[in-house]
Protein backbone atom coordinates (compact mmCIF):
# COMPACT_ATOMS: atom_id res chain seq x y z
CA MET A 1 -168.78 -65.05 -92.88
CA ASN A 2 -171.79 -64.72 -90.55
CA ASN A 3 -171.98 -66.56 -87.25
CA LEU A 4 -173.98 -69.48 -88.69
CA SER A 5 -171.49 -69.95 -91.52
CA LEU A 6 -168.61 -69.83 -89.05
CA ALA A 7 -170.22 -72.58 -86.96
CA VAL A 8 -170.81 -74.77 -90.02
CA GLN A 9 -167.23 -74.25 -91.18
CA PHE A 10 -165.84 -74.97 -87.71
CA PHE A 11 -167.56 -78.36 -87.41
CA LEU A 12 -166.31 -79.37 -90.86
CA GLN A 13 -162.77 -78.37 -89.92
CA LEU A 14 -163.03 -80.15 -86.59
CA ALA A 15 -163.98 -83.47 -88.19
CA PHE A 16 -161.29 -83.08 -90.89
CA ILE A 17 -158.54 -82.17 -88.40
CA LEU A 18 -159.32 -84.99 -85.96
CA LEU A 19 -159.49 -87.69 -88.64
CA PHE A 20 -156.36 -86.46 -90.42
CA CYS A 21 -154.38 -86.31 -87.15
CA ARG A 22 -155.36 -89.89 -86.36
CA MET A 23 -154.37 -91.06 -89.85
CA VAL A 24 -150.96 -89.42 -89.51
CA GLY A 25 -150.73 -90.81 -85.98
CA ALA A 26 -151.24 -94.37 -87.23
CA VAL A 27 -148.30 -93.95 -89.60
CA ALA A 28 -146.18 -92.22 -86.96
CA ALA A 29 -146.81 -95.01 -84.43
CA LYS A 30 -145.24 -97.53 -86.81
CA LEU A 31 -142.16 -95.27 -86.90
CA GLY A 32 -141.97 -95.08 -83.11
CA GLN A 33 -143.31 -91.53 -82.86
CA PRO A 34 -145.93 -90.52 -80.23
CA GLN A 35 -149.28 -89.08 -81.25
CA VAL A 36 -148.20 -85.58 -80.21
CA VAL A 37 -145.42 -85.56 -82.82
CA ALA A 38 -147.88 -86.86 -85.41
CA GLU A 39 -150.22 -83.96 -84.59
CA MET A 40 -147.40 -81.45 -85.00
CA ILE A 41 -146.52 -82.88 -88.41
CA ALA A 42 -150.20 -83.11 -89.37
CA GLY A 43 -150.65 -79.43 -88.52
CA VAL A 44 -147.80 -78.43 -90.83
CA LEU A 45 -149.09 -80.74 -93.59
CA LEU A 46 -152.56 -79.18 -93.44
CA GLY A 47 -151.09 -75.71 -94.01
CA PRO A 48 -149.62 -74.14 -97.14
CA SER A 49 -146.51 -76.36 -96.94
CA LEU A 50 -148.32 -79.40 -98.42
CA PHE A 51 -152.13 -79.31 -98.52
CA GLY A 52 -152.21 -75.73 -99.76
CA LEU A 53 -149.42 -76.51 -102.25
CA LEU A 54 -150.95 -79.67 -103.77
CA LEU A 55 -154.66 -78.89 -103.45
CA PRO A 56 -155.00 -75.13 -102.94
CA GLU A 57 -158.73 -75.03 -103.80
CA TRP A 58 -159.55 -77.76 -101.31
CA GLN A 59 -157.40 -76.16 -98.65
CA HIS A 60 -159.09 -72.81 -99.22
CA TRP A 61 -162.51 -74.47 -99.02
CA ILE A 62 -161.79 -76.12 -95.66
CA PHE A 63 -159.64 -73.29 -94.23
CA PRO A 64 -161.01 -70.16 -95.94
CA TRP A 65 -158.85 -67.13 -96.55
CA ASP A 66 -160.37 -63.65 -96.49
CA LYS A 67 -158.15 -61.76 -98.92
CA SER A 68 -159.83 -58.43 -98.18
CA GLN A 69 -158.70 -58.63 -94.54
CA LEU A 70 -155.43 -60.46 -95.23
CA THR A 71 -156.34 -62.96 -92.53
CA ARG A 72 -157.96 -66.35 -92.30
CA ASP A 73 -161.65 -66.42 -91.38
CA THR A 74 -160.63 -69.65 -89.67
CA GLN A 75 -158.46 -67.80 -87.17
CA SER A 76 -161.41 -65.97 -85.63
CA TYR A 77 -162.51 -69.17 -83.89
CA LEU A 78 -159.74 -71.74 -84.36
CA PHE A 79 -157.24 -69.60 -82.45
CA PRO A 80 -159.21 -69.31 -79.17
CA ALA A 81 -160.22 -72.98 -79.36
CA SER A 82 -156.59 -74.01 -79.87
CA GLN A 83 -155.43 -71.82 -76.98
CA LEU A 84 -158.09 -73.32 -74.71
CA GLY A 85 -156.86 -76.82 -75.52
CA LEU A 86 -153.25 -75.86 -74.87
CA ALA A 87 -154.07 -74.14 -71.58
CA LEU A 88 -156.20 -77.05 -70.34
CA TYR A 89 -153.47 -79.53 -71.15
CA MET A 90 -150.80 -77.49 -69.39
CA PHE A 91 -153.16 -77.23 -66.40
CA VAL A 92 -153.19 -81.04 -66.29
CA VAL A 93 -149.40 -81.14 -66.66
CA GLY A 94 -149.09 -78.76 -63.72
CA MET A 95 -151.23 -81.05 -61.56
CA GLU A 96 -149.04 -84.03 -62.51
CA PHE A 97 -145.85 -82.06 -61.90
CA ARG A 98 -143.89 -83.46 -58.95
CA VAL A 99 -142.69 -80.41 -57.03
CA ASP A 100 -141.23 -82.72 -54.38
CA ILE A 101 -138.95 -84.37 -56.93
CA VAL A 102 -137.83 -80.98 -58.26
CA GLN A 103 -136.96 -80.03 -54.70
CA ARG A 104 -135.02 -83.27 -54.22
CA LYS A 105 -133.37 -82.83 -57.62
CA LEU A 106 -133.15 -79.04 -57.50
CA LYS A 107 -129.43 -78.96 -58.23
CA SER A 108 -129.88 -81.09 -61.35
CA SER A 109 -132.92 -79.11 -62.56
CA ILE A 110 -131.12 -75.79 -62.22
CA ALA A 111 -127.92 -77.14 -63.80
CA VAL A 112 -129.77 -78.67 -66.76
CA SER A 113 -131.81 -75.49 -67.20
CA ALA A 114 -128.72 -73.26 -67.10
CA ALA A 115 -126.84 -75.46 -69.58
CA GLY A 116 -129.92 -75.61 -71.80
CA MET A 117 -130.03 -71.83 -71.90
CA ILE A 118 -126.41 -70.68 -71.93
CA ALA A 119 -124.95 -73.06 -74.53
CA PRO A 120 -127.67 -72.69 -77.20
CA PHE A 121 -127.92 -68.96 -76.55
CA VAL A 122 -124.19 -68.45 -77.17
CA LEU A 123 -124.30 -70.58 -80.34
CA GLY A 124 -127.47 -68.87 -81.54
CA ALA A 125 -126.05 -65.41 -80.90
CA GLY A 126 -122.91 -66.39 -82.81
CA LEU A 127 -124.95 -67.58 -85.79
CA ALA A 128 -126.97 -64.37 -85.64
CA TRP A 129 -123.74 -62.36 -85.90
CA VAL A 130 -122.80 -64.32 -89.03
CA PHE A 131 -126.28 -64.04 -90.56
CA PHE A 132 -126.46 -60.32 -89.78
CA ASN A 133 -123.09 -59.48 -91.33
CA TYR A 134 -123.01 -61.85 -94.29
CA THR A 135 -126.65 -62.55 -95.28
CA ASP A 136 -130.01 -60.79 -95.56
CA LEU A 137 -131.79 -63.21 -93.22
CA PHE A 138 -132.48 -60.32 -90.83
CA PRO A 139 -134.42 -57.25 -92.05
CA LYS A 140 -132.50 -53.99 -92.16
CA LYS A 141 -134.52 -52.47 -89.31
CA THR A 142 -133.33 -55.23 -86.95
CA SER A 143 -130.18 -54.24 -85.06
CA LEU A 144 -127.28 -56.63 -84.39
CA THR A 145 -128.10 -56.78 -80.69
CA GLU A 146 -131.76 -57.57 -81.40
CA ALA A 147 -130.75 -60.23 -83.93
CA MET A 148 -128.39 -61.93 -81.48
CA LEU A 149 -130.89 -61.82 -78.62
CA PHE A 150 -133.75 -63.14 -80.74
CA LEU A 151 -131.89 -66.03 -82.35
CA GLY A 152 -130.31 -66.90 -79.01
CA ALA A 153 -133.76 -66.99 -77.38
CA SER A 154 -135.10 -69.10 -80.26
CA MET A 155 -132.34 -71.65 -79.76
CA CYS A 156 -133.02 -71.74 -75.98
CA ILE A 157 -136.67 -72.68 -76.32
CA THR A 158 -137.90 -76.15 -75.37
CA ALA A 159 -141.17 -77.66 -76.58
CA PHE A 160 -142.71 -77.41 -73.12
CA PRO A 161 -146.27 -78.59 -74.02
CA MET A 162 -144.89 -81.20 -76.40
CA LEU A 163 -142.26 -82.27 -73.88
CA ALA A 164 -145.08 -82.82 -71.40
CA ARG A 165 -146.99 -85.02 -73.85
CA ILE A 166 -143.90 -87.05 -74.78
CA ILE A 167 -143.18 -87.60 -71.07
CA HIS A 168 -146.79 -88.68 -70.55
CA PHE A 169 -146.66 -90.94 -73.62
CA LYS A 170 -143.50 -92.64 -72.37
CA LYS A 171 -144.88 -92.92 -68.81
CA LEU A 172 -142.11 -90.77 -67.36
CA SER A 173 -144.37 -88.63 -65.15
CA GLY A 174 -143.07 -88.66 -61.56
CA THR A 175 -139.65 -89.97 -62.57
CA THR A 176 -136.31 -88.21 -62.34
CA MET A 177 -135.99 -87.95 -66.11
CA GLY A 178 -139.49 -86.61 -66.64
CA THR A 179 -139.53 -84.20 -63.72
CA VAL A 180 -136.02 -82.77 -64.21
CA ALA A 181 -136.73 -82.31 -67.93
CA LEU A 182 -140.08 -80.60 -67.23
CA GLY A 183 -138.60 -78.38 -64.53
CA ALA A 184 -135.65 -77.36 -66.69
CA GLY A 185 -137.91 -76.92 -69.71
CA ALA A 186 -140.24 -74.62 -67.79
CA LEU A 187 -137.32 -72.47 -66.63
CA ASP A 188 -135.81 -72.39 -70.11
CA ASP A 189 -139.03 -71.36 -71.80
CA ALA A 190 -139.83 -68.70 -69.21
CA THR A 191 -136.33 -67.26 -69.71
CA ALA A 192 -136.69 -67.40 -73.49
CA TRP A 193 -139.97 -65.49 -73.30
CA CYS A 194 -138.32 -62.87 -71.10
CA LEU A 195 -135.53 -62.53 -73.67
CA LEU A 196 -138.18 -62.14 -76.37
CA ALA A 197 -139.77 -59.38 -74.28
CA VAL A 198 -136.40 -57.60 -74.16
CA VAL A 199 -136.02 -57.92 -77.96
CA LEU A 200 -139.52 -56.57 -78.62
CA ALA A 201 -139.00 -53.77 -76.09
CA SER A 202 -135.81 -52.75 -77.88
CA PHE A 203 -137.48 -53.15 -81.27
CA ASP A 204 -140.38 -50.91 -80.22
CA ASN A 205 -138.19 -48.68 -78.00
CA ASN A 206 -140.63 -49.43 -75.13
CA TRP A 207 -138.90 -50.99 -72.13
CA SER A 208 -141.97 -50.96 -69.90
CA HIS A 209 -143.20 -54.07 -71.76
CA ALA A 210 -140.18 -56.09 -70.65
CA LEU A 211 -140.51 -54.92 -67.04
CA ILE A 212 -144.19 -55.88 -66.95
CA ASN A 213 -143.42 -59.25 -68.53
CA ILE A 214 -140.65 -60.28 -66.13
CA GLY A 215 -141.90 -58.60 -62.96
CA GLY A 216 -145.49 -59.65 -63.52
CA GLY A 217 -144.47 -63.26 -64.07
CA ALA A 218 -142.47 -63.39 -60.84
CA CYS A 219 -145.35 -61.85 -58.87
CA PHE A 220 -147.83 -64.29 -60.40
CA VAL A 221 -145.76 -67.31 -59.37
CA ALA A 222 -145.36 -65.96 -55.84
CA VAL A 223 -149.07 -65.18 -55.38
CA THR A 224 -150.18 -68.51 -56.87
CA LEU A 225 -147.87 -70.71 -54.82
CA PHE A 226 -147.90 -68.78 -51.54
CA VAL A 227 -151.45 -67.41 -51.44
CA ILE A 228 -153.77 -69.38 -53.73
CA ARG A 229 -152.26 -72.78 -53.03
CA PRO A 230 -152.68 -72.58 -49.20
CA LEU A 231 -156.17 -71.16 -49.67
CA LEU A 232 -157.20 -74.09 -51.86
CA ALA A 233 -155.85 -76.52 -49.29
CA ARG A 234 -158.10 -74.91 -46.66
CA ILE A 235 -161.29 -75.11 -48.74
CA GLN A 236 -160.89 -78.75 -49.79
CA GLY A 237 -163.74 -79.70 -47.47
CA TRP A 238 -166.07 -77.47 -49.50
CA ILE A 239 -165.11 -78.77 -52.95
CA VAL A 240 -164.79 -82.47 -52.01
CA ASN A 241 -167.79 -84.56 -50.98
CA GLU A 242 -167.71 -88.28 -50.11
CA GLY A 243 -164.30 -88.80 -51.66
CA THR A 244 -165.17 -87.09 -54.97
CA LEU A 245 -164.62 -83.62 -56.37
CA THR A 246 -167.90 -81.71 -56.56
CA GLU A 247 -169.16 -79.84 -59.62
CA ALA A 248 -168.40 -76.62 -57.76
CA GLY A 249 -164.82 -77.85 -57.29
CA LEU A 250 -164.51 -78.53 -61.02
CA VAL A 251 -165.75 -75.03 -61.81
CA VAL A 252 -163.32 -73.48 -59.30
CA GLY A 253 -160.42 -75.39 -60.86
CA LEU A 254 -161.36 -74.40 -64.41
CA ALA A 255 -161.94 -70.78 -63.45
CA LEU A 256 -158.54 -70.56 -61.74
CA MET A 257 -156.90 -72.14 -64.80
CA ALA A 258 -158.56 -69.55 -67.03
CA LEU A 259 -157.54 -66.67 -64.76
CA GLY A 260 -153.93 -67.88 -64.65
CA ALA A 261 -153.79 -68.25 -68.45
CA TRP A 262 -155.43 -64.84 -68.88
CA PHE A 263 -152.96 -63.05 -66.63
CA THR A 264 -149.75 -64.50 -68.06
CA ASP A 265 -151.06 -63.95 -71.59
CA LEU A 266 -151.93 -60.37 -70.64
CA ILE A 267 -148.38 -59.62 -69.47
CA GLY A 268 -146.82 -61.33 -72.51
CA LEU A 269 -145.55 -64.60 -70.99
CA HIS A 270 -148.08 -66.78 -72.90
CA ALA A 271 -151.11 -68.55 -71.44
CA VAL A 272 -149.34 -71.92 -71.02
CA PHE A 273 -147.29 -70.69 -68.08
CA GLY A 274 -150.26 -69.38 -66.14
CA ALA A 275 -152.19 -72.61 -66.68
CA PHE A 276 -149.19 -74.72 -65.70
CA ILE A 277 -148.43 -72.78 -62.49
CA MET A 278 -152.12 -72.85 -61.51
CA GLY A 279 -152.15 -76.61 -62.04
CA ALA A 280 -149.10 -76.98 -59.81
CA ALA A 281 -151.00 -75.08 -57.09
CA MET A 282 -153.96 -77.50 -57.08
CA PRO A 283 -154.22 -79.71 -53.95
CA ARG A 284 -152.85 -83.19 -54.53
CA GLY A 285 -155.02 -86.23 -53.91
CA ILE A 286 -158.74 -86.23 -54.65
CA VAL A 287 -158.82 -82.72 -56.17
CA SER A 288 -156.03 -83.19 -58.71
CA ARG A 289 -157.04 -86.81 -59.41
CA ASP A 290 -160.61 -85.92 -60.34
CA LEU A 291 -159.69 -82.75 -62.23
CA ILE A 292 -157.26 -84.73 -64.38
CA ALA A 293 -159.79 -87.53 -64.97
CA ARG A 294 -162.45 -85.07 -66.14
CA ILE A 295 -160.29 -82.70 -68.17
CA GLN A 296 -157.58 -84.78 -69.82
CA PRO A 297 -159.47 -87.16 -72.18
CA LEU A 298 -161.44 -84.53 -74.08
CA THR A 299 -158.56 -82.08 -74.09
CA VAL A 300 -156.08 -84.53 -75.60
CA ALA A 301 -158.50 -86.04 -78.12
CA LEU A 302 -160.40 -82.94 -79.21
CA LEU A 303 -158.73 -79.62 -78.43
CA LEU A 304 -154.96 -80.13 -78.70
CA PRO A 305 -155.06 -81.11 -82.40
CA LEU A 306 -156.62 -77.69 -83.06
CA PHE A 307 -153.55 -75.98 -81.59
CA PHE A 308 -151.17 -77.88 -83.86
CA THR A 309 -153.33 -77.24 -86.91
CA TYR A 310 -153.61 -73.53 -86.19
CA SER A 311 -149.83 -73.23 -85.95
CA GLY A 312 -149.34 -75.29 -89.10
CA LEU A 313 -151.62 -72.99 -91.09
CA ASN A 314 -149.06 -70.22 -90.59
CA THR A 315 -145.98 -72.26 -91.53
CA ARG A 316 -144.41 -72.17 -95.03
CA ILE A 317 -141.52 -74.60 -95.39
CA ALA A 318 -141.36 -73.90 -99.15
CA LEU A 319 -139.54 -70.64 -98.39
CA LEU A 320 -136.31 -72.68 -98.15
CA ASN A 321 -135.76 -72.42 -101.88
CA SER A 322 -131.97 -72.27 -102.28
CA GLY A 323 -128.91 -74.34 -101.45
CA PHE A 324 -127.55 -71.51 -99.33
CA LEU A 325 -130.66 -71.43 -97.12
CA TRP A 326 -130.46 -75.21 -96.67
CA LEU A 327 -126.80 -74.85 -95.69
CA MET A 328 -127.76 -72.22 -93.10
CA CYS A 329 -130.53 -74.52 -91.94
CA GLY A 330 -127.96 -77.27 -91.39
CA ALA A 331 -125.78 -74.92 -89.34
CA VAL A 332 -128.76 -73.94 -87.19
CA LEU A 333 -129.69 -77.60 -86.67
CA VAL A 334 -126.17 -78.62 -85.61
CA ALA A 335 -125.92 -75.67 -83.22
CA ALA A 336 -129.33 -76.53 -81.78
CA VAL A 337 -128.46 -80.17 -81.08
CA LEU A 338 -125.03 -79.39 -79.63
CA GLY A 339 -126.25 -76.45 -77.60
CA LYS A 340 -129.31 -78.12 -76.12
CA GLY A 341 -129.03 -81.90 -76.19
CA VAL A 342 -125.33 -82.32 -75.49
CA ALA A 343 -125.13 -79.47 -72.97
CA CYS A 344 -128.12 -80.75 -70.97
CA TRP A 345 -126.70 -84.29 -70.95
CA ALA A 346 -123.36 -82.98 -69.67
CA ALA A 347 -125.04 -80.88 -66.97
CA ALA A 348 -127.12 -83.83 -65.78
CA ARG A 349 -124.02 -86.05 -65.59
CA ALA A 350 -122.10 -83.36 -63.72
CA THR A 351 -124.78 -83.29 -60.99
CA GLY A 352 -124.65 -87.02 -60.33
CA ILE A 353 -127.43 -88.34 -62.57
CA GLY A 354 -126.74 -91.72 -64.20
CA ASN A 355 -125.62 -91.80 -67.82
CA ARG A 356 -128.80 -93.32 -69.24
CA GLU A 357 -130.98 -90.87 -67.34
CA ALA A 358 -128.75 -87.98 -68.45
CA LEU A 359 -128.98 -89.13 -72.06
CA GLY A 360 -132.75 -89.24 -71.73
CA ILE A 361 -132.88 -85.73 -70.27
CA GLY A 362 -130.64 -84.33 -73.01
CA THR A 363 -132.73 -86.00 -75.72
CA LEU A 364 -136.02 -84.75 -74.29
CA MET A 365 -134.72 -81.21 -73.80
CA ASN A 366 -133.54 -81.05 -77.42
CA ALA A 367 -137.12 -81.14 -78.78
CA ARG A 368 -138.34 -77.64 -79.73
CA GLY A 369 -141.78 -78.36 -81.19
CA LEU A 370 -144.42 -75.71 -81.56
CA MET A 371 -143.25 -73.44 -78.75
CA GLU A 372 -140.45 -72.66 -81.20
CA LEU A 373 -143.06 -72.01 -83.88
CA ILE A 374 -144.91 -69.65 -81.55
CA ILE A 375 -141.87 -67.54 -80.74
CA ILE A 376 -140.63 -67.33 -84.34
CA ASN A 377 -144.13 -66.52 -85.60
CA ILE A 378 -144.07 -63.53 -83.25
CA GLY A 379 -140.67 -62.57 -84.61
CA LEU A 380 -141.91 -62.81 -88.19
CA GLN A 381 -145.12 -60.88 -87.51
CA ARG A 382 -143.18 -58.09 -85.78
CA GLY A 383 -140.60 -57.93 -88.56
CA VAL A 384 -137.62 -59.02 -86.42
CA ILE A 385 -136.71 -61.91 -88.78
CA SER A 386 -137.17 -62.57 -92.48
CA GLU A 387 -139.35 -65.28 -94.02
CA GLY A 388 -136.21 -67.20 -95.01
CA LEU A 389 -134.91 -67.35 -91.45
CA PHE A 390 -138.40 -68.22 -90.26
CA ALA A 391 -138.52 -71.25 -92.56
CA THR A 392 -135.02 -72.26 -91.43
CA LEU A 393 -136.10 -72.23 -87.79
CA VAL A 394 -139.27 -74.17 -88.62
CA ILE A 395 -137.17 -76.98 -90.09
CA MET A 396 -134.98 -76.98 -86.98
CA ALA A 397 -138.05 -77.21 -84.73
CA VAL A 398 -139.56 -80.09 -86.68
CA VAL A 399 -136.35 -82.10 -86.99
CA THR A 400 -135.28 -81.77 -83.34
CA THR A 401 -138.76 -82.89 -82.27
CA LEU A 402 -138.79 -85.85 -84.66
CA MET A 403 -135.39 -86.88 -83.31
CA ALA A 404 -136.57 -87.09 -79.70
CA SER A 405 -138.41 -90.44 -79.63
CA PRO A 406 -136.13 -92.61 -81.82
CA ILE A 407 -132.94 -91.29 -80.19
CA PHE A 408 -134.48 -91.73 -76.74
CA GLU A 409 -135.33 -95.35 -77.48
CA ARG A 410 -131.90 -95.99 -78.97
CA LEU A 411 -129.89 -94.43 -76.15
CA VAL A 412 -132.13 -95.07 -73.15
CA GLY A 413 -134.43 -97.93 -74.12
CA THR A 414 -138.14 -98.61 -73.81
CA GLY A 415 -140.13 -100.19 -71.03
CA THR A 416 -141.65 -99.29 -67.68
CA TYR A 417 -139.73 -96.67 -65.69
CA ARG A 418 -139.69 -96.62 -61.93
CA PRO A 419 -140.84 -93.47 -60.14
CA LEU A 420 -138.21 -91.76 -58.05
CA ASP A 421 -140.03 -92.85 -54.92
CA GLU A 422 -139.21 -96.51 -55.59
CA PRO A 423 -135.72 -97.60 -54.48
CA SER A 424 -133.41 -98.61 -57.27
CA GLY A 425 -129.70 -98.64 -57.99
CA ASP A 426 -130.24 -96.43 -61.03
CA ASN A 427 -133.56 -94.72 -60.52
CA LEU A 428 -134.91 -94.63 -64.03
CA LEU A 429 -133.68 -97.64 -65.94
CA PRO A 430 -136.44 -99.49 -67.78
CA ALA A 431 -137.83 -102.43 -65.85
CA ASN A 432 -137.11 -104.66 -68.83
CA LEU A 433 -133.38 -104.15 -69.35
CA ASN A 434 -133.41 -106.32 -72.47
CA THR A 435 -135.09 -103.48 -74.33
CA ILE A 436 -132.08 -101.20 -73.96
CA HIS A 437 -130.15 -100.94 -77.18
């Protein structure tokens, strides 16, 4: 395709994606699911799992496939647009992130994070040992150690961007549940990406990649929080005028977001972490308020659906084509729920958080979403896992994410949640206690 054809195709896809996501969202809302979950499902439905299966000609017309290059023409522009939407949203999440609550609930955040990593990693590594020795779900070139590390990392992952949107949808921002879950989720995902770096380093016999990934990430966080953050606080007078963020301030914020996403993507940690950390470094008050007001509406309505659709175009659920694979899928799902949801609930309870809040944290942490799809897509592309195991992990990601909202409402309840700042006997019980089931 030439540039003009690509532009024409992009606008057609954009209209189709946005309208389809809203249609699925209307159905999902009646089932108690937030729009973000609807967009994840819509993305999978637009791919080869449904749209391409039922109407392959139509799917090819809207999302063209260049057989000569074995790649989608669509990916040449849909991928960067989807990554921009994801990075912008995580930048907003970082600005809404309550560092003060994490500090006040540091023990709980670390405990929940540790439980959410250790338990699912052990269960995932155990399943990998079984799969490696008794099935062909791992390619022959994958070693046992690599298989155990990869599946363990896959089970550790939390749907960090999706978790952020669910927390926003349920108005949990600034609450103990929301902040502890986000803090633990960020730590879990960063650790999972580091484990992935170790797997790929072993797979490629190149350990410098893992050192750059882990060391570079630590240095980035230190520089952002201890150098850039104080510097931004000092120049607030330049980027704020008469109680409003200036256009120059908006440009500075967006440029820093892009630089943070670029650097963490460059070292292999994924752009979402750089954007999130840079958002957390933004001055609170006028700067963060106006940045959020200007960035969030268009990002959520226009760009984020592109990310879910792009991921869905690479997902093939139809690969689960035998009873054995479905049985293995069930084992993975059970291990995922026990390792993540139950372990995080127990860790939260052990650190003094109330039962309802702990149940909410465990339920939220159990959602894997498309961060899982990202990490397993890398594994599939690099040949670490087979297509059958890939499809199994896709099902686990979708089901654990679909479970989050209904189980949350059943165990915790719906209503307005009090921020941690407001005194309460049990900080995060819904204001309307009659809605608790």
